[in-house]
Amino acid sequence: MVDGSLSQEEIDLLLQGADSDSISSGSSSASIGSSAGLGADMSPIEQATISDMITQALSSSAEGVGMMIGKNVHLGDPYPETVSLNQLQGELNQRQVAFVQNISGSLSGQQAIFIPMPDVIRIAAIPMGNEDTVDTEVELDEAQSATARELIGPMGYNMATQMAARTGVSLTPMPVETHICNGANPFPLRSPDAWLKIQIPFKIEGSVDSRMIVALPLDLAARVYQELQNKSRGAQVSMESEGSMPQQPTGPLPGQTGVKDVNFPSLSTHGSGPLQPNMNLLLDVQMTMTVELGRTKMYIKDILALGEGSIIELEKLAGEPVDMLVNGKLIAKGEVVVIDENFGVRVTDIVKPIERLSPSAGMRS
């Protein structure tokens, strides 16, 4: 604005209720508004409503994480703001670990939790037993990544379940994926252009004092808020309709005795409980189960020298149970048996969930 008159873009922003800061920022605010559609109109109150719901879901999961690692886990007050995808990538594409989950159903899109890589390494070191000696300056390895996914992954599922429970809309959360954001790998979030970014202080007693960032597509966040409002209005209309019903006289009519019917409340054998995702859809999904006899490490020169008749010594004692893995995750141990002319495995021990976080289990991913 050079001649003192307002441009059409600035007039549109004023009509939408934008403040002077939004006008002065120009390009960034306008790019969000033009691409986000419904999400562009989220007010600070609407953003705060969504961020409070997300923080409640994460806090519930944080209690479970604290029980698994034996430390208190605390989440602070959230700070929401709207950003473009380029802004999000510019801030979070250096030594961050993203726990990304796709959601399908009536509500669909991506959601992600970003935590600085040094803090993820510290978190993974707690159950792995090397908290005092871990080096946070190196890259996250496979064992640390698997351990962190076991701890942080349920937070994503709880966010999705909370959305379904609070809105009454069915959705299906996909498995959580871990992505290393270091500038060399593709950024895990691809679209849309406008996002709701929620910063949440994140503390683990005596180990981590950091922050996590939750990212939701702005249009998805706006849709969740809209469904919350629809459900709230529906409940209010129901209460008003019940209150408007004509009241029955409480006393006997002239010439009648004071006898009236007794209305017993209907009984229910179960509560409504939280709305569960359509987990039955996953029951027919096939997964690869592998039985591992053992492993070993060899120098390249020794591998090149292998030939017919060579014997390789494995890092497992004779008679020791074999490992049973599903998609690379250790779930049980067993002993080899022969069924007709085929090998089989008799399960002798089911691995407990807490034992999956041990260093030996984490390496099998």
Protein backbone atom coordinates (compact mmCIF):
# COMPACT_ATOMS: atom_id res chain seq x y z
CA MET A 1 0.00 0.00 0.00
CA VAL A 2 1.90 3.03 -1.31
CA ASP A 3 -0.79 5.63 -2.09
CA GLY A 4 -2.61 5.28 1.25
CA SER A 5 -5.55 3.25 -0.10
CA LEU A 6 -6.37 -0.30 0.91
CA SER A 7 -5.84 -3.10 -1.57
CA GLN A 8 -8.61 -5.61 -2.26
CA GLU A 9 -6.61 -8.27 -0.39
CA GLU A 10 -6.38 -6.08 2.72
CA ILE A 11 -10.11 -5.26 2.53
CA ASP A 12 -10.91 -9.00 2.38
CA LEU A 13 -8.73 -9.63 5.44
CA LEU A 14 -10.49 -6.83 7.36
CA LEU A 15 -13.90 -8.27 6.45
CA GLN A 16 -12.75 -11.66 7.75
CA GLY A 17 -11.86 -10.10 11.10
CA ALA A 18 -8.10 -10.12 10.61
CA ASP A 19 -6.02 -7.85 12.84
CA SER A 20 -3.42 -5.33 11.70
CA ASP A 21 -0.60 -7.82 12.24
CA SER A 22 -2.21 -10.20 9.73
CA ILE A 23 -2.38 -7.41 7.18
CA SER A 24 1.22 -6.35 7.71
CA SER A 25 2.45 -9.92 7.42
CA GLY A 26 0.84 -10.01 3.98
CA SER A 27 2.06 -12.99 2.08
CA SER A 28 2.15 -15.64 4.81
CA SER A 29 -1.33 -14.94 6.16
CA ALA A 30 -2.77 -14.60 2.70
CA SER A 31 -1.26 -17.90 1.56
CA ILE A 32 -2.83 -19.73 4.50
CA GLY A 33 -6.20 -18.10 3.93
CA SER A 34 -6.32 -18.85 0.23
CA SER A 35 -5.43 -22.53 0.51
CA ALA A 36 -6.99 -23.70 3.73
CA GLY A 37 -10.66 -23.25 2.92
CA LEU A 38 -12.73 -23.91 6.05
CA GLY A 39 -9.63 -24.09 8.26
CA ALA A 40 -8.65 -20.51 7.41
CA ASP A 41 -11.56 -19.21 9.48
CA MET A 42 -10.60 -20.88 12.77
CA SER A 43 -10.69 -18.31 15.55
CA PRO A 44 -8.31 -18.37 18.54
CA ILE A 45 -11.12 -19.85 20.66
CA GLU A 46 -11.67 -22.65 18.15
CA GLN A 47 -7.94 -23.36 18.00
CA ALA A 48 -7.76 -23.42 21.80
CA THR A 49 -10.68 -25.88 21.96
CA ILE A 50 -8.93 -28.33 19.63
CA SER A 51 -5.54 -27.93 21.33
CA ASP A 52 -7.09 -28.57 24.77
CA MET A 53 -8.74 -31.75 23.47
CA ILE A 54 -5.44 -32.94 21.96
CA THR A 55 -3.52 -32.16 25.18
CA GLN A 56 -6.04 -34.12 27.27
CA ALA A 57 -5.61 -37.13 25.01
CA LEU A 58 -1.80 -36.88 25.15
CA SER A 59 -1.82 -36.43 28.93
CA SER A 60 -3.79 -39.66 29.33
CA SER A 61 -1.20 -41.50 27.23
CA ALA A 62 1.66 -39.80 29.10
CA GLU A 63 0.51 -41.49 32.31
CA GLY A 64 0.91 -44.87 30.61
CA VAL A 65 4.36 -43.90 29.35
CA GLY A 66 5.33 -42.91 32.90
CA MET A 67 4.24 -46.30 34.22
CA MET A 68 6.29 -48.10 31.55
CA ILE A 69 9.51 -46.19 32.24
CA GLY A 70 9.03 -45.68 35.98
CA LYS A 71 9.17 -41.86 35.85
CA ASN A 72 6.66 -39.05 36.09
CA VAL A 73 5.71 -37.56 32.71
CA HIS A 74 4.11 -34.11 32.60
CA LEU A 75 2.63 -32.06 29.76
CA GLY A 76 2.23 -28.29 30.08
CA ASP A 77 -0.30 -25.86 28.66
CA PRO A 78 -0.63 -25.91 24.85
CA TYR A 79 0.05 -22.98 22.56
CA PRO A 80 -1.78 -23.23 19.20
CA GLU A 81 -1.09 -21.23 16.06
CA THR A 82 -1.70 -21.55 12.33
CA VAL A 83 1.29 -21.93 10.02
CA SER A 84 1.96 -22.83 6.42
CA LEU A 85 3.54 -26.12 5.40
CA ASN A 86 6.72 -24.27 4.38
CA GLN A 87 6.96 -22.66 7.82
CA LEU A 88 6.45 -26.02 9.49
CA GLN A 89 9.11 -27.63 7.35
CA GLY A 90 11.57 -24.78 7.91
CA GLU A 91 11.25 -25.12 11.68
CA LEU A 92 11.08 -28.89 12.06
CA ASN A 93 13.36 -30.29 9.37
CA GLN A 94 16.54 -30.23 11.49
CA ARG A 95 17.24 -33.05 13.99
CA GLN A 96 13.61 -33.75 14.74
CA VAL A 97 11.81 -37.11 14.95
CA ALA A 98 8.28 -37.19 13.56
CA PHE A 99 5.72 -39.80 14.66
CA VAL A 100 3.23 -39.64 11.77
CA GLN A 101 -0.16 -41.31 11.59
CA ASN A 102 -2.69 -41.36 8.77
CA ILE A 103 -6.40 -41.27 9.61
CA SER A 104 -9.13 -42.57 7.32
CA GLY A 105 -12.89 -42.58 7.55
CA SER A 106 -15.38 -39.73 7.96
CA LEU A 107 -12.45 -37.68 9.29
CA SER A 108 -9.28 -38.19 7.28
CA GLY A 109 -5.82 -36.70 7.02
CA GLN A 110 -2.41 -36.82 8.67
CA GLN A 111 -1.45 -36.05 12.25
CA ALA A 112 2.09 -35.87 13.55
CA ILE A 113 4.03 -35.46 16.79
CA PHE A 114 7.47 -33.86 16.48
CA ILE A 115 10.10 -34.21 19.25
CA PRO A 116 13.75 -33.05 19.03
CA MET A 117 16.05 -35.96 18.20
CA PRO A 118 18.33 -35.58 21.29
CA ASP A 119 15.25 -35.83 23.52
CA VAL A 120 13.96 -38.89 21.65
CA ILE A 121 17.37 -40.53 22.19
CA ARG A 122 17.13 -39.74 25.93
CA ILE A 123 13.57 -41.13 26.07
CA ALA A 124 14.60 -44.36 24.36
CA ALA A 125 17.61 -44.72 26.67
CA ILE A 126 15.45 -44.92 29.82
CA PRO A 127 13.90 -48.39 29.23
CA MET A 128 17.03 -49.56 27.38
CA GLY A 129 19.06 -49.01 30.56
CA ASN A 130 21.80 -46.72 29.19
CA GLU A 131 20.38 -43.35 30.18
CA ASP A 132 23.63 -42.18 31.84
CA THR A 133 25.93 -43.06 28.94
CA VAL A 134 23.82 -42.30 25.86
CA ASP A 135 25.26 -39.94 23.26
CA THR A 136 22.62 -37.44 22.08
CA GLU A 137 24.82 -35.90 19.37
CA VAL A 138 24.63 -38.93 17.07
CA GLU A 139 21.79 -39.97 14.78
CA LEU A 140 18.90 -42.07 16.07
CA ASP A 141 19.61 -45.78 15.47
CA GLU A 142 17.11 -48.56 14.72
CA ALA A 143 16.89 -49.83 18.30
CA GLN A 144 16.24 -46.34 19.66
CA SER A 145 13.69 -45.65 16.93
CA ALA A 146 11.76 -48.85 17.71
CA THR A 147 11.79 -48.14 21.44
CA ALA A 148 10.63 -44.54 20.97
CA ARG A 149 7.83 -45.68 18.66
CA GLU A 150 6.61 -48.11 21.35
CA LEU A 151 6.44 -45.23 23.84
CA ILE A 152 5.23 -42.30 21.73
CA GLY A 153 3.12 -44.25 19.21
CA PRO A 154 0.17 -44.82 21.59
CA MET A 155 -0.15 -41.04 21.97
CA GLY A 156 -1.13 -40.81 18.32
CA TYR A 157 -3.71 -43.57 18.68
CA ASN A 158 -5.15 -41.83 21.74
CA MET A 159 -5.46 -38.55 19.82
CA ALA A 160 -7.44 -40.31 17.08
CA THR A 161 -9.62 -42.18 19.60
CA GLN A 162 -10.34 -38.92 21.43
CA MET A 163 -11.47 -37.30 18.18
CA ALA A 164 -13.85 -40.19 17.51
CA ALA A 165 -15.18 -40.25 21.08
CA ARG A 166 -15.75 -36.50 21.34
CA THR A 167 -17.30 -36.01 17.90
CA GLY A 168 -19.14 -39.31 17.48
CA VAL A 169 -17.64 -39.64 13.99
CA SER A 170 -16.14 -42.96 12.92
CA LEU A 171 -12.50 -43.01 11.88
CA THR A 172 -9.70 -45.54 11.52
CA PRO A 173 -6.14 -44.71 12.68
CA MET A 174 -3.34 -46.32 10.71
CA PRO A 175 -0.05 -47.55 12.28
CA VAL A 176 2.31 -44.85 13.51
CA GLU A 177 5.43 -44.36 11.38
CA THR A 178 8.73 -42.86 12.53
CA HIS A 179 10.49 -40.34 10.28
CA ILE A 180 13.89 -38.71 10.80
CA CYS A 181 13.78 -35.02 9.86
CA ASN A 182 17.34 -33.92 9.13
CA GLY A 183 17.11 -31.98 5.86
CA ALA A 184 18.32 -34.95 3.82
CA ASN A 185 15.13 -37.05 4.00
CA PRO A 186 11.82 -35.92 2.46
CA PHE A 187 9.66 -34.01 4.93
CA PRO A 188 6.94 -36.44 6.13
CA LEU A 189 4.04 -33.97 5.82
CA ARG A 190 3.01 -33.37 2.23
CA SER A 191 -0.28 -31.44 2.18
CA PRO A 192 -2.33 -29.32 2.65
CA ASP A 193 -0.70 -25.88 2.79
CA ALA A 194 -2.22 -24.75 6.12
CA TRP A 195 -1.67 -26.50 9.46
CA LEU A 196 -2.61 -26.10 13.09
CA LYS A 197 0.62 -26.23 15.10
CA ILE A 198 0.29 -26.96 18.83
CA GLN A 199 3.38 -26.53 21.04
CA ILE A 200 3.19 -28.48 24.31
CA PRO A 201 5.88 -28.46 27.05
CA PHE A 202 7.01 -32.02 27.70
CA LYS A 203 8.91 -33.15 30.81
CA ILE A 204 10.12 -36.52 32.06
CA GLU A 205 11.31 -36.54 35.67
CA GLY A 206 15.09 -36.14 35.84
CA SER A 207 15.60 -36.87 32.13
CA VAL A 208 13.86 -34.63 29.60
CA ASP A 209 12.73 -31.00 29.67
CA SER A 210 11.59 -30.29 26.14
CA ARG A 211 8.55 -29.58 24.02
CA MET A 212 6.57 -31.59 21.52
CA ILE A 213 4.79 -30.12 18.54
CA VAL A 214 1.53 -31.62 17.31
CA ALA A 215 0.62 -30.81 13.71
CA LEU A 216 -2.90 -31.20 12.28
CA PRO A 217 -4.16 -30.05 8.87
CA LEU A 218 -6.11 -26.88 9.48
CA ASP A 219 -9.14 -28.13 7.57
CA LEU A 220 -9.15 -31.35 9.64
CA ALA A 221 -8.96 -29.35 12.89
CA ALA A 222 -11.82 -27.13 11.71
CA ARG A 223 -13.90 -30.18 10.78
CA VAL A 224 -13.33 -31.67 14.24
CA TYR A 225 -14.44 -28.41 15.85
CA GLN A 226 -17.52 -28.30 13.62
CA GLU A 227 -18.47 -31.87 14.64
CA LEU A 228 -17.99 -30.94 18.30
CA GLN A 229 -20.39 -28.03 17.87
CA ASN A 230 -22.93 -30.17 16.01
CA LYS A 231 -22.88 -32.76 18.77
CA SER A 232 -23.22 -30.08 21.44
CA ARG A 233 -26.17 -28.45 19.66
CA GLY A 234 -27.84 -31.84 19.24
CA ALA A 235 -27.55 -32.53 22.96
CA GLN A 236 -28.94 -29.07 23.79
CA VAL A 237 -31.94 -29.50 21.48
CA SER A 238 -32.66 -32.89 23.05
CA MET A 239 -32.61 -31.39 26.56
CA GLU A 240 -34.85 -28.50 25.50
CA SER A 241 -37.36 -30.85 23.88
CA GLU A 242 -37.52 -32.94 27.04
CA GLY A 243 -38.02 -29.81 29.14
CA SER A 244 -40.89 -28.59 26.95
CA MET A 245 -43.04 -31.70 27.49
CA PRO A 246 -46.30 -30.92 29.34
CA GLN A 247 -46.15 -31.71 33.02
CA GLN A 248 -48.56 -34.28 34.37
CA PRO A 249 -50.63 -33.20 37.37
CA THR A 250 -49.07 -34.38 40.59
CA GLY A 251 -52.20 -34.58 42.70
CA PRO A 252 -55.37 -36.68 42.31
CA LEU A 253 -58.21 -35.36 40.22
CA PRO A 254 -61.50 -34.62 41.96
CA GLY A 255 -63.30 -37.83 42.77
CA GLN A 256 -60.17 -39.97 42.33
CA THR A 257 -57.88 -41.50 44.87
CA GLY A 258 -54.18 -40.61 44.91
CA VAL A 259 -53.06 -43.69 43.00
CA LYS A 260 -50.68 -43.40 40.03
CA ASP A 261 -48.50 -45.66 37.93
CA VAL A 262 -44.86 -46.17 38.80
CA ASN A 263 -42.40 -45.60 35.96
CA PHE A 264 -39.18 -47.53 36.44
CA PRO A 265 -36.09 -46.27 34.60
CA SER A 266 -34.80 -48.52 31.87
CA LEU A 267 -31.82 -50.64 32.88
CA SER A 268 -28.64 -50.93 30.87
CA THR A 269 -26.02 -53.61 31.40
CA HIS A 270 -23.21 -51.55 29.91
CA GLY A 271 -22.06 -47.96 29.62
CA SER A 272 -21.51 -46.13 26.42
CA GLY A 273 -17.73 -45.86 26.93
CA PRO A 274 -15.40 -44.24 24.45
CA LEU A 275 -16.08 -44.73 20.79
CA GLN A 276 -13.66 -47.34 19.50
CA PRO A 277 -12.21 -47.25 15.99
CA ASN A 278 -13.27 -49.97 13.55
CA MET A 279 -10.62 -52.40 14.73
CA ASN A 280 -12.59 -55.31 13.26
CA LEU A 281 -11.45 -54.11 9.86
CA LEU A 282 -7.89 -55.10 10.81
CA LEU A 283 -8.67 -58.66 11.89
CA ASP A 284 -8.41 -60.04 8.35
CA VAL A 285 -5.12 -58.27 7.58
CA GLN A 286 -2.30 -60.75 7.03
CA MET A 287 1.08 -60.15 8.69
CA THR A 288 4.36 -61.92 8.12
CA MET A 289 5.54 -64.19 10.94
CA THR A 290 9.20 -65.20 10.92
CA VAL A 291 10.99 -67.80 13.04
CA GLU A 292 14.62 -66.88 13.61
CA LEU A 293 17.12 -69.54 14.56
CA GLY A 294 19.88 -67.08 15.36
CA ARG A 295 22.12 -64.25 14.16
CA THR A 296 25.81 -63.44 13.93
CA LYS A 297 28.15 -60.74 12.67
CA MET A 298 30.92 -61.43 10.15
CA TYR A 299 33.64 -59.44 8.47
CA ILE A 300 33.15 -58.81 4.76
CA LYS A 301 36.28 -60.79 3.98
CA ASP A 302 34.83 -63.83 5.80
CA ILE A 303 31.52 -63.51 3.97
CA LEU A 304 33.31 -63.40 0.62
CA ALA A 305 35.22 -66.54 1.58
CA LEU A 306 32.04 -68.59 2.17
CA GLY A 307 31.52 -71.61 -0.01
CA GLU A 308 29.65 -74.89 -0.11
CA GLY A 309 30.25 -76.78 3.14
CA SER A 310 31.18 -73.66 5.15
CA ILE A 311 29.85 -73.63 8.70
CA ILE A 312 28.62 -70.43 10.33
CA GLU A 313 28.40 -70.28 14.12
CA LEU A 314 25.34 -68.39 15.37
CA GLU A 315 25.11 -66.30 18.53
CA LYS A 316 22.66 -68.71 20.15
CA LEU A 317 23.26 -71.78 22.32
CA ALA A 318 22.12 -75.22 21.24
CA GLY A 319 18.68 -75.99 22.64
CA GLU A 320 17.89 -72.31 23.26
CA PRO A 321 14.34 -71.27 22.17
CA VAL A 322 13.97 -69.75 18.72
CA ASP A 323 12.56 -66.23 18.27
CA MET A 324 9.14 -65.63 16.69
CA LEU A 325 8.76 -62.23 15.03
CA VAL A 326 5.76 -60.51 13.45
CA ASN A 327 6.78 -57.83 10.95
CA GLY A 328 10.21 -57.78 12.58
CA LYS A 329 8.88 -57.40 16.15
CA LEU A 330 9.70 -60.11 18.70
CA ILE A 331 6.43 -61.43 20.16
CA ALA A 332 7.18 -64.96 21.43
CA LYS A 333 9.72 -67.76 21.81
CA GLY A 334 9.31 -71.42 20.99
CA GLU A 335 10.88 -74.74 20.13
CA VAL A 336 11.16 -76.34 16.70
CA VAL A 337 8.97 -79.38 16.04
CA VAL A 338 8.26 -81.53 12.98
CA ILE A 339 4.68 -81.76 11.69
CA ASP A 340 4.44 -84.52 9.05
CA GLU A 341 7.18 -83.40 6.67
CA ASN A 342 7.19 -79.71 7.63
CA PHE A 343 8.92 -77.79 10.38
CA GLY A 344 6.75 -76.10 12.98
CA VAL A 345 7.17 -74.12 16.19
CA ARG A 346 5.60 -74.82 19.57
CA VAL A 347 5.10 -71.57 21.50
CA THR A 348 6.75 -71.75 24.90
CA ASP A 349 6.78 -68.10 26.01
CA ILE A 350 4.86 -64.94 25.06
CA VAL A 351 6.94 -61.78 25.29
CA LYS A 352 5.37 -59.20 27.60
CA PRO A 353 4.90 -55.66 26.18
CA ILE A 354 7.42 -54.15 28.60
CA GLU A 355 10.05 -56.67 27.51
CA ARG A 356 9.72 -55.47 23.91
CA LEU A 357 11.49 -52.29 25.02
CA SER A 358 14.67 -54.13 26.00
CA PRO A 359 17.76 -53.53 23.83
CA SER A 360 17.74 -57.09 22.48
CA ALA A 361 14.10 -56.86 21.42
CA GLY A 362 14.54 -53.45 19.91
CA MET A 363 17.25 -54.67 17.55
CA ARG A 364 14.75 -56.98 15.80
CA SER A 365 13.04 -54.34 13.70
